Amino acid sequence: MRGLLFFCVNKFFNFKKEITFNREYNILYVKFWRGHLLDLY
């Protein structure tokens, strides 16, 4: 149980780190997917 919690926290921090390093890329990525999802609806 403790290992799973650590894994989730570690994943979350890695995710935050990636967002800070690749902010512009992530914004483009989100816009791209949002556009595709909106096209589906």
PDB file of N, CA and C in Angstrom:
ATOM      1  N   MET A   1       0.842  -1.199   0.000  1.00  0.00           N
ATOM      2  CA  MET A   1       0.000   0.000   0.000  1.00  0.00           C
ATOM      3  C   MET A   1       0.884   1.260   0.000  1.00  0.00           C
ATOM      4  N   ARG A   2       1.880   1.245   0.858  1.00  0.00           N
ATOM      5  CA  ARG A   2       2.792   2.389   0.944  1.00  0.00           C
ATOM      6  C   ARG A   2       3.560   2.583  -0.363  1.00  0.00           C
ATOM      7  N   GLY A   3       3.964   1.467  -0.967  1.00  0.00           N
ATOM      8  CA  GLY A   3       4.688   1.530  -2.228  1.00  0.00           C
ATOM      9  C   GLY A   3       3.840   2.154  -3.325  1.00  0.00           C
ATOM     10  N   LEU A   4       2.556   1.801  -3.333  1.00  0.00           N
ATOM     11  CA  LEU A   4       1.636   2.334  -4.346  1.00  0.00           C
ATOM     12  C   LEU A   4       1.479   3.847  -4.168  1.00  0.00           C
ATOM     13  N   LEU A   5       1.358   4.292  -2.933  1.00  0.00           N
ATOM     14  CA  LEU A   5       1.224   5.719  -2.652  1.00  0.00           C
ATOM     15  C   LEU A   5       2.469   6.472  -3.120  1.00  0.00           C
ATOM     16  N   PHE A   6       3.640   5.916  -2.816  1.00  0.00           N
ATOM     17  CA  PHE A   6       4.891   6.536  -3.231  1.00  0.00           C
ATOM     18  C   PHE A   6       4.954   6.617  -4.751  1.00  0.00           C
ATOM     19  N   PHE A   7       4.526   5.547  -5.415  1.00  0.00           N
ATOM     20  CA  PHE A   7       4.519   5.500  -6.875  1.00  0.00           C
ATOM     21  C   PHE A   7       3.640   6.605  -7.447  1.00  0.00           C
ATOM     22  N   CYS A   8       2.464   6.784  -6.876  1.00  0.00           N
ATOM     23  CA  CYS A   8       1.527   7.821  -7.348  1.00  0.00           C
ATOM     24  C   CYS A   8       2.107   9.211  -7.137  1.00  0.00           C
ATOM     25  N   VAL A   9       2.692   9.451  -5.969  1.00  0.00           N
ATOM     26  CA  VAL A   9       3.288  10.757  -5.661  1.00  0.00           C
ATOM     27  C   VAL A   9       4.446  11.026  -6.607  1.00  0.00           C
ATOM     28  N   ASN A  10       5.264   9.999  -6.850  1.00  0.00           N
ATOM     29  CA  ASN A  10       6.413  10.127  -7.737  1.00  0.00           C
ATOM     30  C   ASN A  10       5.946  10.467  -9.145  1.00  0.00           C
ATOM     31  N   LYS A  11       4.892   9.776  -9.617  1.00  0.00           N
ATOM     32  CA  LYS A  11       4.332  10.038 -10.935  1.00  0.00           C
ATOM     33  C   LYS A  11       3.835  11.479 -11.022  1.00  0.00           C
ATOM     34  N   PHE A  12       3.155  11.920  -9.972  1.00  0.00           N
ATOM     35  CA  PHE A  12       2.601  13.270  -9.936  1.00  0.00           C
ATOM     36  C   PHE A  12       3.715  14.320 -10.019  1.00  0.00           C
ATOM     37  N   PHE A  13       4.800  14.122  -9.253  1.00  0.00           N
ATOM     38  CA  PHE A  13       5.898  15.086  -9.276  1.00  0.00           C
ATOM     39  C   PHE A  13       6.611  15.075 -10.615  1.00  0.00           C
ATOM     40  N   ASN A  14       6.777  13.894 -11.204  1.00  0.00           N
ATOM     41  CA  ASN A  14       7.402  13.829 -12.526  1.00  0.00           C
ATOM     42  C   ASN A  14       6.542  14.566 -13.538  1.00  0.00           C
ATOM     43  N   PHE A  15       5.226  14.421 -13.413  1.00  0.00           N
ATOM     44  CA  PHE A  15       4.282  15.085 -14.307  1.00  0.00           C
ATOM     45  C   PHE A  15       4.404  16.605 -14.165  1.00  0.00           C
ATOM     46  N   LYS A  16       4.452  17.085 -12.920  1.00  0.00           N
ATOM     47  CA  LYS A  16       4.598  18.530 -12.668  1.00  0.00           C
ATOM     48  C   LYS A  16       5.910  19.042 -13.237  1.00  0.00           C
ATOM     49  N   LYS A  17       6.971  18.252 -13.074  1.00  0.00           N
ATOM     50  CA  LYS A  17       8.283  18.644 -13.570  1.00  0.00           C
ATOM     51  C   LYS A  17       8.257  18.750 -15.093  1.00  0.00           C
ATOM     52  N   GLU A  18       7.632  17.779 -15.735  1.00  0.00           N
ATOM     53  CA  GLU A  18       7.517  17.802 -17.189  1.00  0.00           C
ATOM     54  C   GLU A  18       6.742  19.022 -17.648  1.00  0.00           C
ATOM     55  N   ILE A  19       5.699  19.389 -16.928  1.00  0.00           N
ATOM     56  CA  ILE A  19       4.900  20.556 -17.302  1.00  0.00           C
ATOM     57  C   ILE A  19       5.746  21.828 -17.209  1.00  0.00           C
ATOM     58  N   THR A  20       6.559  21.947 -16.159  1.00  0.00           N
ATOM     59  CA  THR A  20       7.362  23.152 -16.019  1.00  0.00           C
ATOM     60  C   THR A  20       8.460  23.204 -17.078  1.00  0.00           C
ATOM     61  N   PHE A  21       9.021  22.049 -17.443  1.00  0.00           N
ATOM     62  CA  PHE A  21      10.079  22.036 -18.448  1.00  0.00           C
ATOM     63  C   PHE A  21       9.532  22.226 -19.854  1.00  0.00           C
ATOM     64  N   ASN A  22       8.386  21.624 -20.123  1.00  0.00           N
ATOM     65  CA  ASN A  22       7.837  21.655 -21.483  1.00  0.00           C
ATOM     66  C   ASN A  22       6.497  22.375 -21.522  1.00  0.00           C
ATOM     67  N   ARG A  23       6.441  23.523 -20.875  1.00  0.00           N
ATOM     68  CA  ARG A  23       5.160  24.231 -20.761  1.00  0.00           C
ATOM     69  C   ARG A  23       4.553  24.550 -22.124  1.00  0.00           C
ATOM     70  N   GLU A  24       5.339  25.126 -23.013  1.00  0.00           N
ATOM     71  CA  GLU A  24       4.814  25.503 -24.334  1.00  0.00           C
ATOM     72  C   GLU A  24       4.352  24.266 -25.076  1.00  0.00           C
ATOM     73  N   TYR A  25       5.164  23.211 -25.009  1.00  0.00           N
ATOM     74  CA  TYR A  25       4.819  21.967 -25.692  1.00  0.00           C
ATOM     75  C   TYR A  25       3.513  21.397 -25.155  1.00  0.00           C
ATOM     76  N   ASN A  26       3.375  21.398 -23.831  1.00  0.00           N
ATOM     77  CA  ASN A  26       2.161  20.853 -23.220  1.00  0.00           C
ATOM     78  C   ASN A  26       0.930  21.664 -23.587  1.00  0.00           C
ATOM     79  N   ILE A  27       1.081  22.989 -23.649  1.00  0.00           N
ATOM     80  CA  ILE A  27      -0.059  23.832 -24.026  1.00  0.00           C
ATOM     81  C   ILE A  27      -0.494  23.501 -25.447  1.00  0.00           C
ATOM     82  N   LEU A  28       0.487  23.351 -26.342  1.00  0.00           N
ATOM     83  CA  LEU A  28       0.163  22.998 -27.732  1.00  0.00           C
ATOM     84  C   LEU A  28      -0.514  21.631 -27.782  1.00  0.00           C
ATOM     85  N   TYR A  29       0.023  20.683 -26.993  1.00  0.00           N
ATOM     86  CA  TYR A  29      -0.504  19.329 -26.968  1.00  0.00           C
ATOM     87  C   TYR A  29      -1.953  19.318 -26.488  1.00  0.00           C
ATOM     88  N   VAL A  30      -2.217  20.070 -25.426  1.00  0.00           N
ATOM     89  CA  VAL A  30      -3.580  20.138 -24.883  1.00  0.00           C
ATOM     90  C   VAL A  30      -4.526  20.790 -25.885  1.00  0.00           C
ATOM     91  N   LYS A  31      -4.068  21.880 -26.524  1.00  0.00           N
ATOM     92  CA  LYS A  31      -4.906  22.552 -27.522  1.00  0.00           C
ATOM     93  C   LYS A  31      -5.212  21.615 -28.673  1.00  0.00           C
ATOM     94  N   PHE A  32      -4.196  20.870 -29.106  1.00  0.00           N
ATOM     95  CA  PHE A  32      -4.346  19.915 -30.208  1.00  0.00           C
ATOM     96  C   PHE A  32      -5.398  18.873 -29.866  1.00  0.00           C
ATOM     97  N   TRP A  33      -5.289  18.265 -28.674  1.00  0.00           N
ATOM     98  CA  TRP A  33      -6.245  17.234 -28.279  1.00  0.00           C
ATOM     99  C   TRP A  33      -7.629  17.804 -28.015  1.00  0.00           C
ATOM    100  N   ARG A  34      -7.663  19.019 -27.454  1.00  0.00           N
ATOM    101  CA  ARG A  34      -8.951  19.649 -27.191  1.00  0.00           C
ATOM    102  C   ARG A  34      -9.678  19.864 -28.511  1.00  0.00           C
ATOM    103  N   GLY A  35      -8.938  20.329 -29.515  1.00  0.00           N
ATOM    104  CA  GLY A  35      -9.525  20.542 -30.834  1.00  0.00           C
ATOM    105  C   GLY A  35     -10.077  19.248 -31.393  1.00  0.00           C
ATOM    106  N   HIS A  36      -9.319  18.146 -31.230  1.00  0.00           N
ATOM    107  CA  HIS A  36      -9.770  16.853 -31.736  1.00  0.00           C
ATOM    108  C   HIS A  36     -10.998  16.359 -30.992  1.00  0.00           C
ATOM    109  N   LEU A  37     -10.982  16.538 -29.667  1.00  0.00           N
ATOM    110  CA  LEU A  37     -12.122  16.097 -28.865  1.00  0.00           C
ATOM    111  C   LEU A  37     -13.365  16.911 -29.204  1.00  0.00           C
ATOM    112  N   LEU A  38     -13.176  18.213 -29.435  1.00  0.00           N
ATOM    113  CA  LEU A  38     -14.319  19.057 -29.789  1.00  0.00           C
ATOM    114  C   LEU A  38     -14.856  18.652 -31.164  1.00  0.00           C
ATOM    115  N   ASP A  39     -13.959  18.245 -32.077  1.00  0.00           N
ATOM    116  CA  ASP A  39     -14.394  17.793 -33.394  1.00  0.00           C
ATOM    117  C   ASP A  39     -15.254  16.533 -33.295  1.00  0.00           C
ATOM    118  N   LEU A  40     -14.942  15.691 -32.279  1.00  0.00           N
ATOM    119  CA  LEU A  40     -15.690  14.443 -32.126  1.00  0.00           C
ATOM    120  C   LEU A  40     -17.120  14.700 -31.660  1.00  0.00           C
ATOM    121  N   TYR A  41     -17.306  15.757 -30.851  1.00  0.00           N
ATOM    122  CA  TYR A  41     -18.646  16.009 -30.306  1.00  0.00           C
ATOM    123  C   TYR A  41     -19.559  16.754 -31.273  1.00  0.00           C
TER     124      TYR A  41
END
